[in-house]
């Protein structure tokens, strides 16, 4: 392409520029959050990369029970993890002595 055509059509980019722009717009997340009350399910333990709209799921650790009023998943959205952190509740013990 000659310079005149590019001047007339400033939104025309080369393939590497387009790829980079799409990657930056789509985004990615770092490792999902860690919690003292829950751990990632095994399916997600070894993932190294997470793209926008990837979902991870947690299970409650011993001593906690699942709160079914909250989702136990987190979603990668715009380079950040989003979700509820009250999906596990401390188990009540009946040990009085």
PDB file of N, CA and C in Angstrom:
ATOM      1  N   UNK A   1       0.836  -1.183   0.000  1.00  0.00           N
ATOM      2  CA  UNK A   1       0.000   0.000   0.000  1.00  0.00           C
ATOM      3  C   UNK A   1       0.875   1.239   0.000  1.00  0.00           C
ATOM      4  N   UNK A   2       0.496   2.198  -0.741  1.00  0.00           N
ATOM      5  CA  UNK A   2       1.282   3.425  -0.739  1.00  0.00           C
ATOM      6  C   UNK A   2       0.783   4.361   0.367  1.00  0.00           C
ATOM      7  N   UNK A   3       1.562   5.364   0.682  1.00  0.00           N
ATOM      8  CA  UNK A   3       1.272   6.262   1.798  1.00  0.00           C
ATOM      9  C   UNK A   3      -0.017   7.047   1.593  1.00  0.00           C
ATOM     10  N   UNK A   4      -0.367   7.366   0.350  1.00  0.00           N
ATOM     11  CA  UNK A   4      -1.583   8.138   0.081  1.00  0.00           C
ATOM     12  C   UNK A   4      -2.830   7.339   0.462  1.00  0.00           C
ATOM     13  N   UNK A   5      -2.830   6.057   0.150  1.00  0.00           N
ATOM     14  CA  UNK A   5      -3.971   5.206   0.486  1.00  0.00           C
ATOM     15  C   UNK A   5      -4.133   5.108   1.999  1.00  0.00           C
ATOM     16  N   UNK A   6      -3.032   4.943   2.721  1.00  0.00           N
ATOM     17  CA  UNK A   6      -3.088   4.883   4.184  1.00  0.00           C
ATOM     18  C   UNK A   6      -3.569   6.205   4.766  1.00  0.00           C
ATOM     19  N   UNK A   7      -3.179   7.312   4.165  1.00  0.00           N
ATOM     20  CA  UNK A   7      -3.625   8.616   4.661  1.00  0.00           C
ATOM     21  C   UNK A   7      -5.126   8.772   4.494  1.00  0.00           C
ATOM     22  N   UNK A   8      -5.656   8.236   3.407  1.00  0.00           N
ATOM     23  CA  UNK A   8      -7.091   8.326   3.161  1.00  0.00           C
ATOM     24  C   UNK A   8      -7.861   7.362   4.051  1.00  0.00           C
ATOM     25  N   UNK A   9      -7.287   6.192   4.305  1.00  0.00           N
ATOM     26  CA  UNK A   9      -7.944   5.145   5.096  1.00  0.00           C
ATOM     27  C   UNK A   9      -7.121   4.863   6.357  1.00  0.00           C
ATOM     28  N   UNK A  10      -7.215   5.705   7.380  1.00  0.00           N
ATOM     29  CA  UNK A  10      -6.370   5.541   8.567  1.00  0.00           C
ATOM     30  C   UNK A  10      -6.724   4.320   9.404  1.00  0.00           C
ATOM     31  N   UNK A  11      -7.876   3.701   9.181  1.00  0.00           N
ATOM     32  CA  UNK A  11      -8.261   2.548   9.983  1.00  0.00           C
ATOM     33  C   UNK A  11      -7.804   1.221   9.395  1.00  0.00           C
ATOM     34  N   UNK A  12      -7.042   1.248   8.341  1.00  0.00           N
ATOM     35  CA  UNK A  12      -6.524   0.022   7.745  1.00  0.00           C
ATOM     36  C   UNK A  12      -5.180  -0.276   8.394  1.00  0.00           C
ATOM     37  N   UNK A  13      -5.067  -1.471   8.986  1.00  0.00           N
ATOM     38  CA  UNK A  13      -3.866  -1.855   9.708  1.00  0.00           C
ATOM     39  C   UNK A  13      -3.291  -3.131   9.120  1.00  0.00           C
ATOM     40  N   UNK A  14      -2.048  -3.374   9.418  1.00  0.00           N
ATOM     41  CA  UNK A  14      -1.423  -4.621   8.999  1.00  0.00           C
ATOM     42  C   UNK A  14      -1.884  -5.744   9.927  1.00  0.00           C
ATOM     43  N   UNK A  15      -1.651  -6.981   9.532  1.00  0.00           N
ATOM     44  CA  UNK A  15      -2.068  -8.131  10.329  1.00  0.00           C
ATOM     45  C   UNK A  15      -1.490  -8.104  11.744  1.00  0.00           C
ATOM     46  N   UNK A  16      -0.180  -7.884  11.940  1.00  0.00           N
ATOM     47  CA  UNK A  16       0.345  -7.862  13.315  1.00  0.00           C
ATOM     48  C   UNK A  16      -0.300  -6.772  14.166  1.00  0.00           C
ATOM     49  N   UNK A  17      -0.588  -5.614  13.582  1.00  0.00           N
ATOM     50  CA  UNK A  17      -1.240  -4.550  14.339  1.00  0.00           C
ATOM     51  C   UNK A  17      -2.646  -4.971  14.746  1.00  0.00           C
ATOM     52  N   UNK A  18      -3.381  -5.598  13.837  1.00  0.00           N
ATOM     53  CA  UNK A  18      -4.737  -6.056  14.144  1.00  0.00           C
ATOM     54  C   UNK A  18      -4.715  -7.107  15.243  1.00  0.00           C
ATOM     55  N   UNK A  19      -3.789  -8.054  15.147  1.00  0.00           N
ATOM     56  CA  UNK A  19      -3.694  -9.108  16.150  1.00  0.00           C
ATOM     57  C   UNK A  19      -3.427  -8.519  17.523  1.00  0.00           C
ATOM     58  N   UNK A  20      -2.501  -7.578  17.601  1.00  0.00           N
ATOM     59  CA  UNK A  20      -2.172  -6.938  18.868  1.00  0.00           C
ATOM     60  C   UNK A  20      -3.371  -6.170  19.413  1.00  0.00           C
ATOM     61  N   UNK A  21      -4.077  -5.462  18.566  1.00  0.00           N
ATOM     62  CA  UNK A  21      -5.238  -4.700  19.008  1.00  0.00           C
ATOM     63  C   UNK A  21      -6.329  -5.616  19.538  1.00  0.00           C
ATOM     64  N   UNK A  22      -6.583  -6.712  18.846  1.00  0.00           N
ATOM     65  CA  UNK A  22      -7.603  -7.655  19.308  1.00  0.00           C
ATOM     66  C   UNK A  22      -7.188  -8.254  20.636  1.00  0.00           C
ATOM     67  N   UNK A  23      -5.925  -8.642  20.769  1.00  0.00           N
ATOM     68  CA  UNK A  23      -5.446  -9.216  22.028  1.00  0.00           C
ATOM     69  C   UNK A  23      -5.615  -8.235  23.177  1.00  0.00           C
ATOM     70  N   UNK A  24      -5.271  -6.972  22.959  1.00  0.00           N
ATOM     71  CA  UNK A  24      -5.388  -5.986  24.020  1.00  0.00           C
ATOM     72  C   UNK A  24      -6.837  -5.683  24.358  1.00  0.00           C
ATOM     73  N   UNK A  25      -7.711  -5.698  23.384  1.00  0.00           N
ATOM     74  CA  UNK A  25      -9.128  -5.447  23.645  1.00  0.00           C
ATOM     75  C   UNK A  25      -9.782  -6.618  24.362  1.00  0.00           C
ATOM     76  N   UNK A  26      -9.432  -7.828  23.958  1.00  0.00           N
ATOM     77  CA  UNK A  26     -10.033  -9.014  24.567  1.00  0.00           C
ATOM     78  C   UNK A  26      -9.504  -9.183  25.969  1.00  0.00           C
ATOM     79  N   UNK A  27      -8.201  -9.086  26.163  1.00  0.00           N
ATOM     80  CA  UNK A  27      -7.609  -9.124  27.483  1.00  0.00           C
ATOM     81  C   UNK A  27      -7.406 -10.521  28.026  1.00  0.00           C
ATOM     82  N   UNK A  28      -6.816 -10.554  29.184  1.00  0.00           N
ATOM     83  CA  UNK A  28      -6.531 -11.797  29.879  1.00  0.00           C
ATOM     84  C   UNK A  28      -6.416 -11.491  31.361  1.00  0.00           C
ATOM     85  N   UNK A  29      -6.546 -12.520  32.175  1.00  0.00           N
ATOM     86  CA  UNK A  29      -6.441 -12.365  33.623  1.00  0.00           C
ATOM     87  C   UNK A  29      -5.231 -13.118  34.139  1.00  0.00           C
ATOM     88  N   UNK A  30      -4.718 -12.648  35.265  1.00  0.00           N
ATOM     89  CA  UNK A  30      -3.689 -13.378  35.987  1.00  0.00           C
ATOM     90  C   UNK A  30      -4.348 -14.591  36.642  1.00  0.00           C
ATOM     91  N   UNK A  31      -3.620 -15.251  37.502  1.00  0.00           N
ATOM     92  CA  UNK A  31      -4.171 -16.410  38.217  1.00  0.00           C
ATOM     93  C   UNK A  31      -5.423 -15.996  38.990  1.00  0.00           C
ATOM     94  N   UNK A  32      -6.392 -16.901  39.119  1.00  0.00           N
ATOM     95  CA  UNK A  32      -7.612 -16.567  39.855  1.00  0.00           C
ATOM     96  C   UNK A  32      -7.317 -16.323  41.337  1.00  0.00           C
ATOM     97  N   UNK A  33      -8.225 -15.650  42.036  1.00  0.00           N
ATOM     98  CA  UNK A  33      -7.994 -15.360  43.450  1.00  0.00           C
ATOM     99  C   UNK A  33      -7.903 -16.635  44.288  1.00  0.00           C
ATOM    100  N   UNK A  34      -7.155 -16.528  45.372  1.00  0.00           N
ATOM    101  CA  UNK A  34      -7.023 -17.638  46.321  1.00  0.00           C
ATOM    102  C   UNK A  34      -7.771 -17.269  47.588  1.00  0.00           C
ATOM    103  N   UNK A  35      -8.375 -18.268  48.213  1.00  0.00           N
ATOM    104  CA  UNK A  35      -9.155 -18.048  49.423  1.00  0.00           C
ATOM    105  C   UNK A  35      -8.747 -19.044  50.499  1.00  0.00           C
ATOM    106  N   UNK A  36      -8.839 -18.620  51.761  1.00  0.00           N
ATOM    107  CA  UNK A  36      -8.542 -19.530  52.872  1.00  0.00           C
ATOM    108  C   UNK A  36      -9.662 -20.550  53.058  1.00  0.00           C
ATOM    109  N   UNK A  37     -10.860 -20.235  52.607  1.00  0.00           N
ATOM    110  CA  UNK A  37     -12.030 -21.082  52.805  1.00  0.00           C
ATOM    111  C   UNK A  37     -12.360 -21.970  51.606  1.00  0.00           C
ATOM    112  N   UNK A  38     -11.677 -21.770  50.474  1.00  0.00           N
ATOM    113  CA  UNK A  38     -12.008 -22.532  49.263  1.00  0.00           C
ATOM    114  C   UNK A  38     -10.764 -22.735  48.415  1.00  0.00           C
ATOM    115  N   UNK A  39     -10.833 -23.743  47.545  1.00  0.00           N
ATOM    116  CA  UNK A  39      -9.746 -24.008  46.608  1.00  0.00           C
ATOM    117  C   UNK A  39     -10.328 -24.238  45.220  1.00  0.00           C
ATOM    118  N   UNK A  40      -9.498 -23.988  44.218  1.00  0.00           N
ATOM    119  CA  UNK A  40      -9.937 -24.241  42.842  1.00  0.00           C
ATOM    120  C   UNK A  40     -10.214 -25.715  42.644  1.00  0.00           C
ATOM    121  N   UNK A  41     -11.226 -26.020  41.866  1.00  0.00           N
ATOM    122  CA  UNK A  41     -11.461 -27.419  41.513  1.00  0.00           C
ATOM    123  C   UNK A  41     -10.305 -27.906  40.645  1.00  0.00           C
ATOM    124  N   UNK A  42     -10.082 -29.191  40.674  1.00  0.00           N
ATOM    125  CA  UNK A  42      -8.908 -29.783  40.031  1.00  0.00           C
ATOM    126  C   UNK A  42      -8.786 -29.441  38.551  1.00  0.00           C
ATOM    127  N   UNK A  43      -9.895 -29.283  37.869  1.00  0.00           N
ATOM    128  CA  UNK A  43      -9.867 -28.968  36.432  1.00  0.00           C
ATOM    129  C   UNK A  43      -9.112 -27.676  36.120  1.00  0.00           C
ATOM    130  N   UNK A  44      -8.995 -26.794  37.102  1.00  0.00           N
ATOM    131  CA  UNK A  44      -8.417 -25.472  36.865  1.00  0.00           C
ATOM    132  C   UNK A  44      -7.039 -25.271  37.498  1.00  0.00           C
ATOM    133  N   UNK A  45      -6.541 -26.276  38.203  1.00  0.00           N
ATOM    134  CA  UNK A  45      -5.298 -26.115  38.968  1.00  0.00           C
ATOM    135  C   UNK A  45      -4.074 -25.840  38.108  1.00  0.00           C
ATOM    136  N   UNK A  46      -4.032 -26.359  36.908  1.00  0.00           N
ATOM    137  CA  UNK A  46      -2.815 -26.265  36.108  1.00  0.00           C
ATOM    138  C   UNK A  46      -2.915 -25.292  34.937  1.00  0.00           C
ATOM    139  N   UNK A  47      -3.999 -24.562  34.860  1.00  0.00           N
ATOM    140  CA  UNK A  47      -4.118 -23.547  33.808  1.00  0.00           C
ATOM    141  C   UNK A  47      -3.140 -22.416  34.084  1.00  0.00           C
ATOM    142  N   UNK A  48      -2.509 -21.929  33.038  1.00  0.00           N
ATOM    143  CA  UNK A  48      -1.557 -20.825  33.175  1.00  0.00           C
ATOM    144  C   UNK A  48      -2.090 -19.533  32.574  1.00  0.00           C
ATOM    145  N   UNK A  49      -2.997 -19.651  31.613  1.00  0.00           N
ATOM    146  CA  UNK A  49      -3.536 -18.464  30.962  1.00  0.00           C
ATOM    147  C   UNK A  49      -5.055 -18.478  31.046  1.00  0.00           C
ATOM    148  N   UNK A  50      -5.605 -17.310  31.214  1.00  0.00           N
ATOM    149  CA  UNK A  50      -7.053 -17.155  31.285  1.00  0.00           C
ATOM    150  C   UNK A  50      -7.444 -15.979  30.410  1.00  0.00           C
ATOM    151  N   UNK A  51      -8.356 -16.215  29.497  1.00  0.00           N
ATOM    152  CA  UNK A  51      -8.839 -15.184  28.592  1.00  0.00           C
ATOM    153  C   UNK A  51     -10.153 -14.614  29.111  1.00  0.00           C
ATOM    154  N   UNK A  52     -10.561 -13.513  28.524  1.00  0.00           N
ATOM    155  CA  UNK A  52     -11.840 -12.917  28.879  1.00  0.00           C
ATOM    156  C   UNK A  52     -12.953 -13.952  28.718  1.00  0.00           C
ATOM    157  N   UNK A  53     -13.827 -13.993  29.694  1.00  0.00           N
ATOM    158  CA  UNK A  53     -14.983 -14.892  29.779  1.00  0.00           C
ATOM    159  C   UNK A  53     -14.622 -16.306  30.204  1.00  0.00           C
ATOM    160  N   UNK A  54     -13.347 -16.585  30.523  1.00  0.00           N
ATOM    161  CA  UNK A  54     -13.017 -17.881  31.119  1.00  0.00           C
ATOM    162  C   UNK A  54     -13.625 -17.928  32.510  1.00  0.00           C
ATOM    163  N   UNK A  55     -14.065 -19.114  32.919  1.00  0.00           N
ATOM    164  CA  UNK A  55     -14.703 -19.315  34.215  1.00  0.00           C
ATOM    165  C   UNK A  55     -13.916 -20.357  34.996  1.00  0.00           C
ATOM    166  N   UNK A  56     -13.721 -20.107  36.290  1.00  0.00           N
ATOM    167  CA  UNK A  56     -13.133 -21.103  37.181  1.00  0.00           C
ATOM    168  C   UNK A  56     -14.130 -21.390  38.291  1.00  0.00           C
ATOM    169  N   UNK A  57     -14.022 -22.585  38.864  1.00  0.00           N
ATOM    170  CA  UNK A  57     -14.965 -23.017  39.885  1.00  0.00           C
ATOM    171  C   UNK A  57     -14.196 -23.447  41.132  1.00  0.00           C
ATOM    172  N   UNK A  58     -14.777 -23.155  42.294  1.00  0.00           N
ATOM    173  CA  UNK A  58     -14.155 -23.457  43.581  1.00  0.00           C
ATOM    174  C   UNK A  58     -14.949 -24.507  44.346  1.00  0.00           C
ATOM    175  N   UNK A  59     -14.256 -25.178  45.289  1.00  0.00           N
ATOM    176  CA  UNK A  59     -14.918 -26.074  46.241  1.00  0.00           C
ATOM    177  C   UNK A  59     -14.496 -25.629  47.638  1.00  0.00           C
ATOM    178  N   UNK A  60     -15.390 -25.801  48.590  1.00  0.00           N
ATOM    179  CA  UNK A  60     -15.115 -25.381  49.966  1.00  0.00           C
ATOM    180  C   UNK A  60     -14.091 -26.303  50.613  1.00  0.00           C
ATOM    181  N   UNK A  61     -13.229 -25.717  51.422  1.00  0.00           N
ATOM    182  CA  UNK A  61     -12.240 -26.493  52.179  1.00  0.00           C
ATOM    183  C   UNK A  61     -12.910 -27.123  53.401  1.00  0.00           C
ATOM    184  N   UNK A  62     -12.256 -28.110  54.006  1.00  0.00           N
ATOM    185  CA  UNK A  62     -12.808 -28.708  55.238  1.00  0.00           C
ATOM    186  C   UNK A  62     -13.046 -27.626  56.296  1.00  0.00           C
ATOM    187  N   UNK A  63     -14.166 -27.765  56.994  1.00  0.00           N
ATOM    188  CA  UNK A  63     -14.552 -26.768  57.991  1.00  0.00           C
ATOM    189  C   UNK A  63     -15.493 -25.714  57.445  1.00  0.00           C
ATOM    190  N   UNK A  64     -15.736 -25.772  56.132  1.00  0.00           N
ATOM    191  CA  UNK A  64     -16.655 -24.837  55.478  1.00  0.00           C
ATOM    192  C   UNK A  64     -17.694 -25.619  54.690  1.00  0.00           C
ATOM    193  N   UNK A  65     -18.857 -25.037  54.550  1.00  0.00           N
ATOM    194  CA  UNK A  65     -19.909 -25.679  53.754  1.00  0.00           C
ATOM    195  C   UNK A  65     -20.355 -24.731  52.663  1.00  0.00           C
ATOM    196  N   UNK A  66     -20.871 -25.293  51.613  1.00  0.00           N
ATOM    197  CA  UNK A  66     -21.284 -24.541  50.433  1.00  0.00           C
ATOM    198  C   UNK A  66     -22.508 -23.693  50.723  1.00  0.00           C
ATOM    199  N   UNK A  67     -22.445 -22.426  50.379  1.00  0.00           N
ATOM    200  CA  UNK A  67     -23.575 -21.510  50.439  1.00  0.00           C
ATOM    201  C   UNK A  67     -24.186 -21.489  49.041  1.00  0.00           C
ATOM    202  N   UNK A  68     -25.327 -22.140  48.867  1.00  0.00           N
ATOM    203  CA  UNK A  68     -25.924 -22.266  47.546  1.00  0.00           C
ATOM    204  C   UNK A  68     -26.648 -21.001  47.089  1.00  0.00           C
ATOM    205  N   UNK A  69     -26.658 -19.984  47.914  1.00  0.00           N
ATOM    206  CA  UNK A  69     -27.242 -18.702  47.499  1.00  0.00           C
ATOM    207  C   UNK A  69     -26.238 -17.838  46.739  1.00  0.00           C
ATOM    208  N   UNK A  70     -25.001 -18.277  46.703  1.00  0.00           N
ATOM    209  CA  UNK A  70     -23.954 -17.537  45.986  1.00  0.00           C
ATOM    210  C   UNK A  70     -23.259 -18.487  45.019  1.00  0.00           C
ATOM    211  N   UNK A  71     -22.859 -17.985  43.884  1.00  0.00           N
ATOM    212  CA  UNK A  71     -22.150 -18.806  42.894  1.00  0.00           C
ATOM    213  C   UNK A  71     -20.722 -19.073  43.363  1.00  0.00           C
ATOM    214  N   UNK A  72     -20.256 -20.271  43.097  1.00  0.00           N
ATOM    215  CA  UNK A  72     -18.885 -20.636  43.469  1.00  0.00           C
ATOM    216  C   UNK A  72     -17.953 -20.537  42.256  1.00  0.00           C
ATOM    217  N   UNK A  73     -18.262 -19.609  41.381  1.00  0.00           N
ATOM    218  CA  UNK A  73     -17.455 -19.411  40.180  1.00  0.00           C
ATOM    219  C   UNK A  73     -16.967 -17.968  40.108  1.00  0.00           C
ATOM    220  N   UNK A  74     -15.848 -17.801  39.430  1.00  0.00           N
ATOM    221  CA  UNK A  74     -15.309 -16.481  39.107  1.00  0.00           C
ATOM    222  C   UNK A  74     -15.126 -16.414  37.600  1.00  0.00           C
ATOM    223  N   UNK A  75     -15.342 -15.233  37.029  1.00  0.00           N
ATOM    224  CA  UNK A  75     -15.249 -15.024  35.582  1.00  0.00           C
ATOM    225  C   UNK A  75     -14.182 -13.964  35.307  1.00  0.00           C
ATOM    226  N   UNK A  76     -13.355 -14.211  34.300  1.00  0.00           N
ATOM    227  CA  UNK A  76     -12.363 -13.228  33.864  1.00  0.00           C
ATOM    228  C   UNK A  76     -13.081 -12.212  32.974  1.00  0.00           C
ATOM    229  N   UNK A  77     -13.147 -10.971  33.444  1.00  0.00           N
ATOM    230  CA  UNK A  77     -13.796  -9.896  32.682  1.00  0.00           C
ATOM    231  C   UNK A  77     -12.900  -8.674  32.667  1.00  0.00           C
ATOM    232  N   UNK A  78     -12.526  -8.239  31.478  1.00  0.00           N
ATOM    233  CA  UNK A  78     -11.721  -7.027  31.310  1.00  0.00           C
ATOM    234  C   UNK A  78     -10.485  -7.035  32.201  1.00  0.00           C
ATOM    235  N   UNK A  79      -9.758  -8.129  32.150  1.00  0.00           N
ATOM    236  CA  UNK A  79      -8.483  -8.283  32.860  1.00  0.00           C
ATOM    237  C   UNK A  79      -8.615  -8.376  34.379  1.00  0.00           C
ATOM    238  N   UNK A  80      -9.815  -8.640  34.885  1.00  0.00           N
ATOM    239  CA  UNK A  80     -10.038  -8.776  36.327  1.00  0.00           C
ATOM    240  C   UNK A  80     -10.972  -9.942  36.587  1.00  0.00           C
ATOM    241  N   UNK A  81     -10.782 -10.605  37.712  1.00  0.00           N
ATOM    242  CA  UNK A  81     -11.681 -11.681  38.122  1.00  0.00           C
ATOM    243  C   UNK A  81     -12.869 -11.094  38.851  1.00  0.00           C
ATOM    244  N   UNK A  82     -14.069 -11.578  38.498  1.00  0.00           N
ATOM    245  CA  UNK A  82     -15.290 -11.093  39.144  1.00  0.00           C
ATOM    246  C   UNK A  82     -16.089 -12.280  39.664  1.00  0.00           C
ATOM    247  N   UNK A  83     -16.603 -12.117  40.881  1.00  0.00           N
ATOM    248  CA  UNK A  83     -17.422 -13.160  41.479  1.00  0.00           C
ATOM    249  C   UNK A  83     -17.713 -12.821  42.935  1.00  0.00           C
ATOM    250  N   UNK A  84     -18.431 -13.709  43.579  1.00  0.00           N
ATOM    251  CA  UNK A  84     -18.803 -13.541  44.981  1.00  0.00           C
ATOM    252  C   UNK A  84     -17.785 -14.266  45.858  1.00  0.00           C
ATOM    253  N   UNK A  85     -17.509 -13.717  47.029  1.00  0.00           N
ATOM    254  CA  UNK A  85     -16.590 -14.422  47.918  1.00  0.00           C
ATOM    255  C   UNK A  85     -17.291 -14.967  49.158  1.00  0.00           C
ATOM    256  N   UNK A  86     -18.602 -15.140  49.089  1.00  0.00           N
ATOM    257  CA  UNK A  86     -19.333 -15.729  50.218  1.00  0.00           C
ATOM    258  C   UNK A  86     -20.010 -17.042  49.833  1.00  0.00           C
ATOM    259  N   UNK A  87     -19.371 -17.793  48.951  1.00  0.00           N
ATOM    260  CA  UNK A  87     -19.958 -19.055  48.505  1.00  0.00           C
ATOM    261  C   UNK A  87     -19.658 -20.211  49.456  1.00  0.00           C
ATOM    262  N   UNK A  88     -18.818 -19.998  50.450  1.00  0.00           N
ATOM    263  CA  UNK A  88     -18.556 -20.995  51.492  1.00  0.00           C
ATOM    264  C   UNK A  88     -18.766 -20.332  52.851  1.00  0.00           C
ATOM    265  N   UNK A  89     -19.438 -21.050  53.737  1.00  0.00           N
ATOM    266  CA  UNK A  89     -19.695 -20.540  55.086  1.00  0.00           C
ATOM    267  C   UNK A  89     -19.022 -21.451  56.103  1.00  0.00           C
ATOM    268  N   UNK A  90     -18.559 -20.862  57.191  1.00  0.00           N
ATOM    269  CA  UNK A  90     -17.948 -21.638  58.265  1.00  0.00           C
ATOM    270  C   UNK A  90     -18.983 -22.609  58.815  1.00  0.00           C
ATOM    271  N   UNK A  91     -18.593 -23.894  58.947  1.00  0.00           N
ATOM    272  CA  UNK A  91     -19.510 -24.884  59.507  1.00  0.00           C
ATOM    273  C   UNK A  91     -19.701 -24.620  60.996  1.00  0.00           C
ATOM    274  N   UNK A  92     -20.928 -24.754  61.443  1.00  0.00           N
ATOM    275  CA  UNK A  92     -21.221 -24.620  62.861  1.00  0.00           C
ATOM    276  C   UNK A  92     -21.004 -25.959  63.531  1.00  0.00           C
ATOM    277  N   UNK A  93     -20.278 -25.966  64.626  1.00  0.00           N
ATOM    278  CA  UNK A  93     -20.025 -27.232  65.339  1.00  0.00           C
ATOM    279  C   UNK A  93     -20.930 -27.286  66.556  1.00  0.00           C
ATOM    280  N   UNK A  94     -21.298 -28.481  66.920  1.00  0.00           N
ATOM    281  CA  UNK A  94     -22.149 -28.670  68.102  1.00  0.00           C
ATOM    282  C   UNK A  94     -21.333 -29.190  69.272  1.00  0.00           C
ATOM    283  N   UNK A  95     -20.045 -29.008  69.225  1.00  0.00           N
ATOM    284  CA  UNK A  95     -19.157 -29.472  70.282  1.00  0.00           C
ATOM    285  C   UNK A  95     -19.143 -28.438  71.405  1.00  0.00           C
ATOM    286  N   UNK A  96     -19.799 -28.748  72.517  1.00  0.00           N
ATOM    287  CA  UNK A  96     -19.892 -27.820  73.630  1.00  0.00           C
ATOM    288  C   UNK A  96     -18.960 -28.194  74.768  1.00  0.00           C
ATOM    289  N   UNK A  97     -18.151 -29.162  74.576  1.00  0.00           N
ATOM    290  CA  UNK A  97     -17.386 -29.563  75.734  1.00  0.00           C
ATOM    291  C   UNK A  97     -16.022 -29.874  75.446  1.00  0.00           C
TER     292      UNK A  97
END
